Amino acid sequence: MVAVGAVAVSATAIFADLADCQPGTASFYRCVLALPFLLPLAWREGRGTGRLGCRELLAAVAAGVLFAGDMLLWTQAIFDVGAGISTVIVNVQVIVVPLLAFAIDREPITRLFLVTVPVMALGVLLAGGVLDHGPGGAHTVRGTVEAVLAALCYSGFLFILRRSGKSTPVLPSYTVIIAASAAASWAGGLLWHGFSFIPRLAAVGWLALAAICGQVVGWLLVAYATPKLNSESASVLLLLTPIGSLVLGGLVLGQRPTALQLAGSLLILGCAALIANMRRQGESG
């Protein structure tokens, strides 16, 4: 389910680029337009599992604020450095999330993961176009910084999502996350790059597609599946998102990856396949 969710999320970068509105506006409407789908599902699940406790509620709000930070910074990075490139850079989470799990939860890290970390880091740099002048926006350095900051927010969001999801009803918690993200996106938009309560009709259409693919289908699948996986496997599977964004960016937006970007993508996928294969062998043994 994580793989399917990651592929669905990959389309949101393209829809956000096509919407062409402020980061706060895009992030706010991505969340608000998802709530009519999520609220009935959350209410139905909540009837059987009960209300969220105070601690669960606070964790969901914290995750929502981090998710809003990710969306705000990532959306601006899409305009500055390109849809596919920004999505790849954000996915340094593949390194940060397992390290958070190790530092906070003492979740063990395999030697294989430690060996592949520099290889994956090189792959992220190559695929992100940092080492050459790939396709994308006009502010590569600024966009890269924004994407890296988004990655830190994204890593915190994923860590809280996975950690709290082991004992928390998924749909009620996830719906609180999206509602908190909407509020934080509105506040962030007012402070950074502005906010429009009434965007263009075409922009609303693209953001509705982003909400359905990302918040309703993609992240809901991720929210259900990540607590069942170890941090390494979940983070690696989520790398399907930047690869999908690179492909869609080339097909839809004409942002053709360079040879170095393709090489970086292959490095990332190779490490993902290696870690997944070693994990299966370890479990079967």
C-alpha atoms as a PDB file:
ATOM      1  CA  MET A   1       0.000   0.000   0.000  1.00  0.00           C
ATOM      2  CA  VAL A   2       2.904   2.374   0.665  1.00  0.00           C
ATOM      3  CA  ALA A   3       4.111   1.910  -2.924  1.00  0.00           C
ATOM      4  CA  VAL A   4       0.648   2.690  -4.377  1.00  0.00           C
ATOM      5  CA  GLY A   5       0.287   5.697  -2.078  1.00  0.00           C
ATOM      6  CA  ALA A   6       3.739   6.988  -3.012  1.00  0.00           C
ATOM      7  CA  VAL A   7       2.927   6.824  -6.732  1.00  0.00           C
ATOM      8  CA  ALA A   8      -0.374   8.669  -6.161  1.00  0.00           C
ATOM      9  CA  VAL A   9       1.430  11.384  -4.182  1.00  0.00           C
ATOM     10  CA  SER A  10       3.940  11.813  -7.031  1.00  0.00           C
ATOM     11  CA  ALA A  11       1.209  13.385  -9.177  1.00  0.00           C
ATOM     12  CA  THR A  12       0.551  16.171  -6.666  1.00  0.00           C
ATOM     13  CA  ALA A  13       3.740  18.044  -7.653  1.00  0.00           C
ATOM     14  CA  ILE A  14       2.478  18.234 -11.231  1.00  0.00           C
ATOM     15  CA  PHE A  15      -0.987  19.417 -10.181  1.00  0.00           C
ATOM     16  CA  ALA A  16       0.527  22.034  -7.833  1.00  0.00           C
ATOM     17  CA  ASP A  17       2.710  23.349 -10.676  1.00  0.00           C
ATOM     18  CA  LEU A  18      -0.294  23.548 -13.023  1.00  0.00           C
ATOM     19  CA  ALA A  19      -2.396  25.330 -10.368  1.00  0.00           C
ATOM     20  CA  ASP A  20       0.203  28.148 -10.295  1.00  0.00           C
ATOM     21  CA  CYS A  21      -0.851  29.883  -7.069  1.00  0.00           C
ATOM     22  CA  GLN A  22       0.803  30.907  -3.805  1.00  0.00           C
ATOM     23  CA  PRO A  23       2.188  28.115  -1.587  1.00  0.00           C
ATOM     24  CA  GLY A  24      -0.228  28.964   1.234  1.00  0.00           C
ATOM     25  CA  THR A  25      -3.223  28.938  -1.090  1.00  0.00           C
ATOM     26  CA  ALA A  26      -2.209  25.668  -2.727  1.00  0.00           C
ATOM     27  CA  SER A  27      -1.481  23.921   0.588  1.00  0.00           C
ATOM     28  CA  PHE A  28      -4.669  25.209   2.232  1.00  0.00           C
ATOM     29  CA  TYR A  29      -6.972  24.084  -0.575  1.00  0.00           C
ATOM     30  CA  ARG A  30      -5.224  20.709  -0.934  1.00  0.00           C
ATOM     31  CA  CYS A  31      -6.268  20.027   2.654  1.00  0.00           C
ATOM     32  CA  VAL A  32      -9.699  21.694   2.697  1.00  0.00           C
ATOM     33  CA  LEU A  33     -10.833  19.968  -0.512  1.00  0.00           C
ATOM     34  CA  ALA A  34      -9.838  16.597   0.973  1.00  0.00           C
ATOM     35  CA  LEU A  35     -11.866  17.015   4.185  1.00  0.00           C
ATOM     36  CA  PRO A  36     -15.330  16.294   2.650  1.00  0.00           C
ATOM     37  CA  PHE A  37     -13.981  12.867   1.654  1.00  0.00           C
ATOM     38  CA  LEU A  38     -12.176  12.204   4.936  1.00  0.00           C
ATOM     39  CA  LEU A  39     -14.708  13.402   7.528  1.00  0.00           C
ATOM     40  CA  PRO A  40     -17.404  10.744   6.820  1.00  0.00           C
ATOM     41  CA  LEU A  41     -14.777   7.996   6.794  1.00  0.00           C
ATOM     42  CA  ALA A  42     -13.251   9.267  10.045  1.00  0.00           C
ATOM     43  CA  TRP A  43     -16.677   9.502  11.704  1.00  0.00           C
ATOM     44  CA  ARG A  44     -17.498   5.934  10.672  1.00  0.00           C
ATOM     45  CA  GLU A  45     -14.215   4.537  11.987  1.00  0.00           C
ATOM     46  CA  GLY A  46     -14.391   6.661  15.139  1.00  0.00           C
ATOM     47  CA  ARG A  47     -17.732   5.129  16.107  1.00  0.00           C
ATOM     48  CA  GLY A  48     -16.007   1.770  16.503  1.00  0.00           C
ATOM     49  CA  THR A  49     -12.679   2.872  17.972  1.00  0.00           C
ATOM     50  CA  GLY A  50     -13.707   5.790  20.168  1.00  0.00           C
ATOM     51  CA  ARG A  51     -12.378   9.338  20.345  1.00  0.00           C
ATOM     52  CA  LEU A  52      -8.745  10.295  20.180  1.00  0.00           C
ATOM     53  CA  GLY A  53      -7.071  10.862  23.529  1.00  0.00           C
ATOM     54  CA  CYS A  54      -5.363  14.134  24.421  1.00  0.00           C
ATOM     55  CA  ARG A  55      -1.910  12.759  23.646  1.00  0.00           C
ATOM     56  CA  GLU A  56      -3.064  11.316  20.307  1.00  0.00           C
ATOM     57  CA  LEU A  57      -4.725  14.604  19.425  1.00  0.00           C
ATOM     58  CA  LEU A  58      -1.590  16.621  20.194  1.00  0.00           C
ATOM     59  CA  ALA A  59       0.534  14.232  18.103  1.00  0.00           C
ATOM     60  CA  ALA A  60      -1.878  14.607  15.172  1.00  0.00           C
ATOM     61  CA  VAL A  61      -1.809  18.426  15.423  1.00  0.00           C
ATOM     62  CA  ALA A  62       2.009  18.427  15.581  1.00  0.00           C
ATOM     63  CA  ALA A  63       2.160  16.164  12.528  1.00  0.00           C
ATOM     64  CA  GLY A  64      -0.285  18.469  10.746  1.00  0.00           C
ATOM     65  CA  VAL A  65       1.842  21.547  11.408  1.00  0.00           C
ATOM     66  CA  LEU A  66       4.947  19.753  10.108  1.00  0.00           C
ATOM     67  CA  PHE A  67       3.014  18.559   7.055  1.00  0.00           C
ATOM     68  CA  ALA A  68       1.941  22.152   6.367  1.00  0.00           C
ATOM     69  CA  GLY A  69       5.562  23.287   6.605  1.00  0.00           C
ATOM     70  CA  ASP A  70       6.515  20.584   4.138  1.00  0.00           C
ATOM     71  CA  MET A  71       3.772  21.580   1.685  1.00  0.00           C
ATOM     72  CA  LEU A  72       4.476  25.328   1.915  1.00  0.00           C
ATOM     73  CA  LEU A  73       8.220  24.998   1.333  1.00  0.00           C
ATOM     74  CA  TRP A  74       7.872  22.232  -1.243  1.00  0.00           C
ATOM     75  CA  THR A  75       5.266  24.149  -3.299  1.00  0.00           C
ATOM     76  CA  GLN A  76       7.555  27.182  -3.543  1.00  0.00           C
ATOM     77  CA  ALA A  77      10.470  24.891  -4.412  1.00  0.00           C
ATOM     78  CA  ILE A  78       8.403  23.481  -7.304  1.00  0.00           C
ATOM     79  CA  PHE A  79       8.330  26.955  -8.853  1.00  0.00           C
ATOM     80  CA  ASP A  80      11.983  27.681  -8.065  1.00  0.00           C
ATOM     81  CA  VAL A  81      13.705  24.427  -9.029  1.00  0.00           C
ATOM     82  CA  GLY A  82      11.103  22.297 -10.826  1.00  0.00           C
ATOM     83  CA  ALA A  83       8.438  19.733  -9.881  1.00  0.00           C
ATOM     84  CA  GLY A  84      10.472  16.548 -10.260  1.00  0.00           C
ATOM     85  CA  ILE A  85      13.709  17.973  -8.869  1.00  0.00           C
ATOM     86  CA  SER A  86      12.083  19.472  -5.764  1.00  0.00           C
ATOM     87  CA  THR A  87      10.273  16.206  -5.006  1.00  0.00           C
ATOM     88  CA  VAL A  88      13.515  14.240  -5.223  1.00  0.00           C
ATOM     89  CA  ILE A  89      15.375  16.614  -2.906  1.00  0.00           C
ATOM     90  CA  VAL A  90      12.561  16.467  -0.347  1.00  0.00           C
ATOM     91  CA  ASN A  91      13.100  12.729  -0.165  1.00  0.00           C
ATOM     92  CA  VAL A  92      16.280  12.938   1.842  1.00  0.00           C
ATOM     93  CA  GLN A  93      13.729  11.638   4.345  1.00  0.00           C
ATOM     94  CA  VAL A  94      15.006   8.218   3.364  1.00  0.00           C
ATOM     95  CA  ILE A  95      18.065   9.044   5.471  1.00  0.00           C
ATOM     96  CA  VAL A  96      16.533  11.243   8.178  1.00  0.00           C
ATOM     97  CA  VAL A  97      13.531   9.126   9.267  1.00  0.00           C
ATOM     98  CA  PRO A  98      15.499   5.964  10.178  1.00  0.00           C
ATOM     99  CA  LEU A  99      18.021   8.129  12.026  1.00  0.00           C
ATOM    100  CA  LEU A 100      15.173   9.730  14.002  1.00  0.00           C
ATOM    101  CA  ALA A 101      13.816   6.272  14.802  1.00  0.00           C
ATOM    102  CA  PHE A 102      17.270   5.217  15.986  1.00  0.00           C
ATOM    103  CA  ALA A 103      17.856   8.345  18.093  1.00  0.00           C
ATOM    104  CA  ILE A 104      14.407   8.470  19.734  1.00  0.00           C
ATOM    105  CA  ASP A 105      13.047   4.912  19.702  1.00  0.00           C
ATOM    106  CA  ARG A 106      16.375   3.069  19.587  1.00  0.00           C
ATOM    107  CA  GLU A 107      15.149   1.203  16.520  1.00  0.00           C
ATOM    108  CA  PRO A 108      18.178  -0.692  15.185  1.00  0.00           C
ATOM    109  CA  ILE A 109      19.767   0.315  11.902  1.00  0.00           C
ATOM    110  CA  THR A 110      21.266  -2.393   9.727  1.00  0.00           C
ATOM    111  CA  ARG A 111      24.832  -2.241   8.468  1.00  0.00           C
ATOM    112  CA  LEU A 112      23.457  -2.419   4.940  1.00  0.00           C
ATOM    113  CA  PHE A 113      21.506   0.795   5.528  1.00  0.00           C
ATOM    114  CA  LEU A 114      24.611   2.572   6.803  1.00  0.00           C
ATOM    115  CA  VAL A 115      26.567   1.430   3.745  1.00  0.00           C
ATOM    116  CA  THR A 116      23.859   2.595   1.344  1.00  0.00           C
ATOM    117  CA  VAL A 117      23.344   6.010   3.019  1.00  0.00           C
ATOM    118  CA  PRO A 118      26.186   7.775   1.118  1.00  0.00           C
ATOM    119  CA  VAL A 119      25.123   6.065  -2.111  1.00  0.00           C
ATOM    120  CA  MET A 120      21.517   7.217  -1.633  1.00  0.00           C
ATOM    121  CA  ALA A 121      22.730  10.704  -0.729  1.00  0.00           C
ATOM    122  CA  LEU A 122      24.709  10.843  -3.967  1.00  0.00           C
ATOM    123  CA  GLY A 123      21.664   9.584  -5.844  1.00  0.00           C
ATOM    124  CA  VAL A 124      19.503  12.345  -4.328  1.00  0.00           C
ATOM    125  CA  LEU A 125      22.080  14.973  -5.339  1.00  0.00           C
ATOM    126  CA  LEU A 126      22.309  13.637  -8.884  1.00  0.00           C
ATOM    127  CA  ALA A 127      18.576  13.147  -9.350  1.00  0.00           C
ATOM    128  CA  GLY A 128      17.935  16.567  -7.846  1.00  0.00           C
ATOM    129  CA  GLY A 129      20.055  18.260 -10.490  1.00  0.00           C
ATOM    130  CA  VAL A 130      22.296  19.853  -7.853  1.00  0.00           C
ATOM    131  CA  LEU A 131      25.485  18.802  -9.669  1.00  0.00           C
ATOM    132  CA  ASP A 132      24.426  20.045 -13.085  1.00  0.00           C
ATOM    133  CA  HIS A 133      21.996  22.492 -14.662  1.00  0.00           C
ATOM    134  CA  GLY A 134      18.954  20.294 -15.167  1.00  0.00           C
ATOM    135  CA  PRO A 135      15.466  21.413 -16.165  1.00  0.00           C
ATOM    136  CA  GLY A 136      13.320  23.363 -13.755  1.00  0.00           C
ATOM    137  CA  GLY A 137      12.911  26.852 -12.366  1.00  0.00           C
ATOM    138  CA  ALA A 138      15.154  29.890 -12.443  1.00  0.00           C
ATOM    139  CA  HIS A 139      16.248  29.859  -8.782  1.00  0.00           C
ATOM    140  CA  THR A 140      17.981  26.524  -8.333  1.00  0.00           C
ATOM    141  CA  VAL A 141      19.927  27.337  -5.149  1.00  0.00           C
ATOM    142  CA  ARG A 142      16.959  28.937  -3.393  1.00  0.00           C
ATOM    143  CA  GLY A 143      14.693  26.105  -4.499  1.00  0.00           C
ATOM    144  CA  THR A 144      17.165  23.516  -3.240  1.00  0.00           C
ATOM    145  CA  VAL A 145      17.320  25.183   0.194  1.00  0.00           C
ATOM    146  CA  GLU A 146      13.512  25.302   0.334  1.00  0.00           C
ATOM    147  CA  ALA A 147      13.290  21.636  -0.629  1.00  0.00           C
ATOM    148  CA  VAL A 148      15.843  20.614   2.024  1.00  0.00           C
ATOM    149  CA  LEU A 149      13.911  22.536   4.702  1.00  0.00           C
ATOM    150  CA  ALA A 150      10.735  20.873   3.452  1.00  0.00           C
ATOM    151  CA  ALA A 151      12.498  17.525   3.814  1.00  0.00           C
ATOM    152  CA  LEU A 152      13.149  18.169   7.503  1.00  0.00           C
ATOM    153  CA  CYS A 153       9.447  18.942   8.069  1.00  0.00           C
ATOM    154  CA  TYR A 154       8.501  15.914   5.968  1.00  0.00           C
ATOM    155  CA  SER A 155      10.768  13.628   8.012  1.00  0.00           C
ATOM    156  CA  GLY A 156       9.243  14.807  11.279  1.00  0.00           C
ATOM    157  CA  PHE A 157       5.752  14.285   9.872  1.00  0.00           C
ATOM    158  CA  LEU A 158       6.542  10.753   8.711  1.00  0.00           C
ATOM    159  CA  PHE A 159       8.166   9.858  12.014  1.00  0.00           C
ATOM    160  CA  ILE A 160       5.160  11.040  14.068  1.00  0.00           C
ATOM    161  CA  LEU A 161       2.753   9.374  11.615  1.00  0.00           C
ATOM    162  CA  ARG A 162       4.511   6.045  11.889  1.00  0.00           C
ATOM    163  CA  ARG A 163       5.097   6.239  15.640  1.00  0.00           C
ATOM    164  CA  SER A 164       1.558   7.253  16.660  1.00  0.00           C
ATOM    165  CA  GLY A 165      -0.090   5.021  14.047  1.00  0.00           C
ATOM    166  CA  LYS A 166       0.861   1.875  15.949  1.00  0.00           C
ATOM    167  CA  SER A 167      -1.796   2.558  18.597  1.00  0.00           C
ATOM    168  CA  THR A 168      -3.990   5.317  17.110  1.00  0.00           C
ATOM    169  CA  PRO A 169      -7.117   4.957  14.919  1.00  0.00           C
ATOM    170  CA  VAL A 170      -5.833   5.896  11.463  1.00  0.00           C
ATOM    171  CA  LEU A 171      -8.712   7.820   9.892  1.00  0.00           C
ATOM    172  CA  PRO A 172      -9.669  10.063  12.847  1.00  0.00           C
ATOM    173  CA  SER A 173      -6.006  10.873  13.468  1.00  0.00           C
ATOM    174  CA  TYR A 174      -5.279  11.503   9.790  1.00  0.00           C
ATOM    175  CA  THR A 175      -8.324  13.774   9.444  1.00  0.00           C
ATOM    176  CA  VAL A 176      -7.095  15.870  12.391  1.00  0.00           C
ATOM    177  CA  ILE A 177      -3.685  16.053  10.696  1.00  0.00           C
ATOM    178  CA  ILE A 178      -5.236  17.395   7.487  1.00  0.00           C
ATOM    179  CA  ALA A 179      -7.427  19.901   9.371  1.00  0.00           C
ATOM    180  CA  ALA A 180      -4.400  21.125  11.345  1.00  0.00           C
ATOM    181  CA  SER A 181      -2.427  21.349   8.102  1.00  0.00           C
ATOM    182  CA  ALA A 182      -5.153  23.510   6.554  1.00  0.00           C
ATOM    183  CA  ALA A 183      -5.057  25.942   9.491  1.00  0.00           C
ATOM    184  CA  ALA A 184      -1.248  26.062   9.550  1.00  0.00           C
ATOM    185  CA  SER A 185      -1.114  26.526   5.759  1.00  0.00           C
ATOM    186  CA  TRP A 186      -3.521  29.470   6.003  1.00  0.00           C
ATOM    187  CA  ALA A 187      -1.421  31.100   8.738  1.00  0.00           C
ATOM    188  CA  GLY A 188       1.827  30.380   6.904  1.00  0.00           C
ATOM    189  CA  GLY A 189       0.430  31.734   3.657  1.00  0.00           C
ATOM    190  CA  LEU A 190      -0.523  35.035   5.293  1.00  0.00           C
ATOM    191  CA  LEU A 191       3.068  35.412   6.509  1.00  0.00           C
ATOM    192  CA  TRP A 192       4.891  34.092   3.417  1.00  0.00           C
ATOM    193  CA  HIS A 193       4.104  34.837  -0.255  1.00  0.00           C
ATOM    194  CA  GLY A 194       0.489  35.810   0.469  1.00  0.00           C
ATOM    195  CA  PHE A 195      -2.853  33.992   0.447  1.00  0.00           C
ATOM    196  CA  SER A 196      -5.886  34.065  -1.855  1.00  0.00           C
ATOM    197  CA  PHE A 197      -9.269  32.994  -0.482  1.00  0.00           C
ATOM    198  CA  ILE A 198     -10.745  32.852  -3.990  1.00  0.00           C
ATOM    199  CA  PRO A 199      -8.198  31.375  -6.435  1.00  0.00           C
ATOM    200  CA  ARG A 200      -8.848  30.972 -10.138  1.00  0.00           C
ATOM    201  CA  LEU A 201     -11.376  28.260 -11.072  1.00  0.00           C
ATOM    202  CA  ALA A 202      -8.738  26.360 -13.049  1.00  0.00           C
ATOM    203  CA  ALA A 203      -6.423  26.433 -10.016  1.00  0.00           C
ATOM    204  CA  VAL A 204      -9.179  25.015  -7.805  1.00  0.00           C
ATOM    205  CA  GLY A 205      -9.638  22.164 -10.288  1.00  0.00           C
ATOM    206  CA  TRP A 206      -5.934  21.258 -10.255  1.00  0.00           C
ATOM    207  CA  LEU A 207      -5.808  21.532  -6.455  1.00  0.00           C
ATOM    208  CA  ALA A 208      -8.870  19.275  -6.170  1.00  0.00           C
ATOM    209  CA  LEU A 209      -7.007  16.641  -8.181  1.00  0.00           C
ATOM    210  CA  ALA A 210      -3.976  17.123  -5.928  1.00  0.00           C
ATOM    211  CA  ALA A 211      -6.197  16.696  -2.856  1.00  0.00           C
ATOM    212  CA  ILE A 212      -7.755  13.462  -4.162  1.00  0.00           C
ATOM    213  CA  CYS A 213      -4.487  11.913  -5.367  1.00  0.00           C
ATOM    214  CA  GLY A 214      -2.395  13.138  -2.458  1.00  0.00           C
ATOM    215  CA  GLN A 215      -4.413  13.676   0.719  1.00  0.00           C
ATOM    216  CA  VAL A 216      -7.300  11.232   0.101  1.00  0.00           C
ATOM    217  CA  VAL A 217      -5.735   8.320  -1.786  1.00  0.00           C
ATOM    218  CA  GLY A 218      -1.968   8.657  -1.446  1.00  0.00           C
ATOM    219  CA  TRP A 219      -1.342   9.758   2.124  1.00  0.00           C
ATOM    220  CA  LEU A 220      -4.259   7.734   3.499  1.00  0.00           C
ATOM    221  CA  LEU A 221      -2.667   4.561   2.136  1.00  0.00           C
ATOM    222  CA  VAL A 222       0.680   5.664   3.560  1.00  0.00           C
ATOM    223  CA  ALA A 223      -0.923   6.395   6.947  1.00  0.00           C
ATOM    224  CA  TYR A 224      -2.428   2.903   7.071  1.00  0.00           C
ATOM    225  CA  ALA A 225       0.674   1.051   5.896  1.00  0.00           C
ATOM    226  CA  THR A 226       3.700   2.792   7.441  1.00  0.00           C
ATOM    227  CA  PRO A 227       3.052   1.671  11.052  1.00  0.00           C
ATOM    228  CA  LYS A 228       3.259  -1.942   9.818  1.00  0.00           C
ATOM    229  CA  LEU A 229       6.731  -1.455   8.309  1.00  0.00           C
ATOM    230  CA  ASN A 230      10.129  -0.715   9.797  1.00  0.00           C
ATOM    231  CA  SER A 231      11.392   2.823   9.197  1.00  0.00           C
ATOM    232  CA  GLU A 232      13.950   1.780   6.562  1.00  0.00           C
ATOM    233  CA  SER A 233      11.468  -0.101   4.362  1.00  0.00           C
ATOM    234  CA  ALA A 234       8.806   2.603   4.586  1.00  0.00           C
ATOM    235  CA  SER A 235      11.265   5.394   3.748  1.00  0.00           C
ATOM    236  CA  VAL A 236      12.708   3.514   0.786  1.00  0.00           C
ATOM    237  CA  LEU A 237       9.280   2.696  -0.669  1.00  0.00           C
ATOM    238  CA  LEU A 238       8.352   6.383  -0.451  1.00  0.00           C
ATOM    239  CA  LEU A 239      11.203   7.102  -2.878  1.00  0.00           C
ATOM    240  CA  LEU A 240       8.789   5.997  -5.600  1.00  0.00           C
ATOM    241  CA  THR A 241       7.252   9.465  -5.182  1.00  0.00           C
ATOM    242  CA  PRO A 242      10.220  11.480  -6.545  1.00  0.00           C
ATOM    243  CA  ILE A 243      10.843   8.990  -9.344  1.00  0.00           C
ATOM    244  CA  GLY A 244       7.202   9.275 -10.382  1.00  0.00           C
ATOM    245  CA  SER A 245       7.397  13.072 -10.218  1.00  0.00           C
ATOM    246  CA  LEU A 246      10.475  13.103 -12.447  1.00  0.00           C
ATOM    247  CA  VAL A 247       8.709  10.967 -15.034  1.00  0.00           C
ATOM    248  CA  LEU A 248       5.467  12.961 -14.897  1.00  0.00           C
ATOM    249  CA  GLY A 249       7.392  16.243 -14.927  1.00  0.00           C
ATOM    250  CA  GLY A 250       8.992  15.201 -18.195  1.00  0.00           C
ATOM    251  CA  LEU A 251       5.767  13.945 -19.782  1.00  0.00           C
ATOM    252  CA  VAL A 252       3.406  16.715 -18.633  1.00  0.00           C
ATOM    253  CA  LEU A 253       5.569  19.785 -17.947  1.00  0.00           C
ATOM    254  CA  GLY A 254       8.396  19.153 -20.415  1.00  0.00           C
ATOM    255  CA  GLN A 255      11.010  19.066 -17.630  1.00  0.00           C
ATOM    256  CA  ARG A 256      13.272  16.442 -19.186  1.00  0.00           C
ATOM    257  CA  PRO A 257      15.721  14.790 -16.770  1.00  0.00           C
ATOM    258  CA  THR A 258      19.403  15.041 -17.662  1.00  0.00           C
ATOM    259  CA  ALA A 259      21.709  12.036 -17.846  1.00  0.00           C
ATOM    260  CA  LEU A 260      22.972  12.746 -14.315  1.00  0.00           C
ATOM    261  CA  GLN A 261      19.410  12.937 -12.971  1.00  0.00           C
ATOM    262  CA  LEU A 262      18.596   9.588 -14.542  1.00  0.00           C
ATOM    263  CA  ALA A 263      21.781   8.122 -13.071  1.00  0.00           C
ATOM    264  CA  GLY A 264      20.793   9.407  -9.634  1.00  0.00           C
ATOM    265  CA  SER A 265      17.329   7.889  -9.971  1.00  0.00           C
ATOM    266  CA  LEU A 266      18.866   4.524 -10.831  1.00  0.00           C
ATOM    267  CA  LEU A 267      21.149   4.734  -7.786  1.00  0.00           C
ATOM    268  CA  ILE A 268      18.166   5.417  -5.531  1.00  0.00           C
ATOM    269  CA  LEU A 269      16.081   2.608  -6.989  1.00  0.00           C
ATOM    270  CA  GLY A 270      19.035   0.220  -6.832  1.00  0.00           C
ATOM    271  CA  CYS A 271      19.532   0.918  -3.132  1.00  0.00           C
ATOM    272  CA  ALA A 272      15.790   0.546  -2.550  1.00  0.00           C
ATOM    273  CA  ALA A 273      15.742  -2.855  -4.236  1.00  0.00           C
ATOM    274  CA  LEU A 274      18.840  -3.985  -2.335  1.00  0.00           C
ATOM    275  CA  ILE A 275      17.458  -2.999   1.081  1.00  0.00           C
ATOM    276  CA  ALA A 276      14.040  -4.543   0.358  1.00  0.00           C
ATOM    277  CA  ASN A 277      15.658  -7.795  -0.822  1.00  0.00           C
ATOM    278  CA  MET A 278      17.931  -8.038   2.217  1.00  0.00           C
ATOM    279  CA  ARG A 279      14.973  -7.333   4.520  1.00  0.00           C
ATOM    280  CA  ARG A 280      12.946 -10.173   2.959  1.00  0.00           C
ATOM    281  CA  GLN A 281      15.896 -12.545   3.290  1.00  0.00           C
ATOM    282  CA  GLY A 282      16.335 -11.574   6.943  1.00  0.00           C
ATOM    283  CA  GLU A 283      12.643 -12.157   7.707  1.00  0.00           C
ATOM    284  CA  SER A 284      12.548 -15.517   5.886  1.00  0.00           C
ATOM    285  CA  GLY A 285      15.746 -16.635   7.599  1.00  0.00           C
END
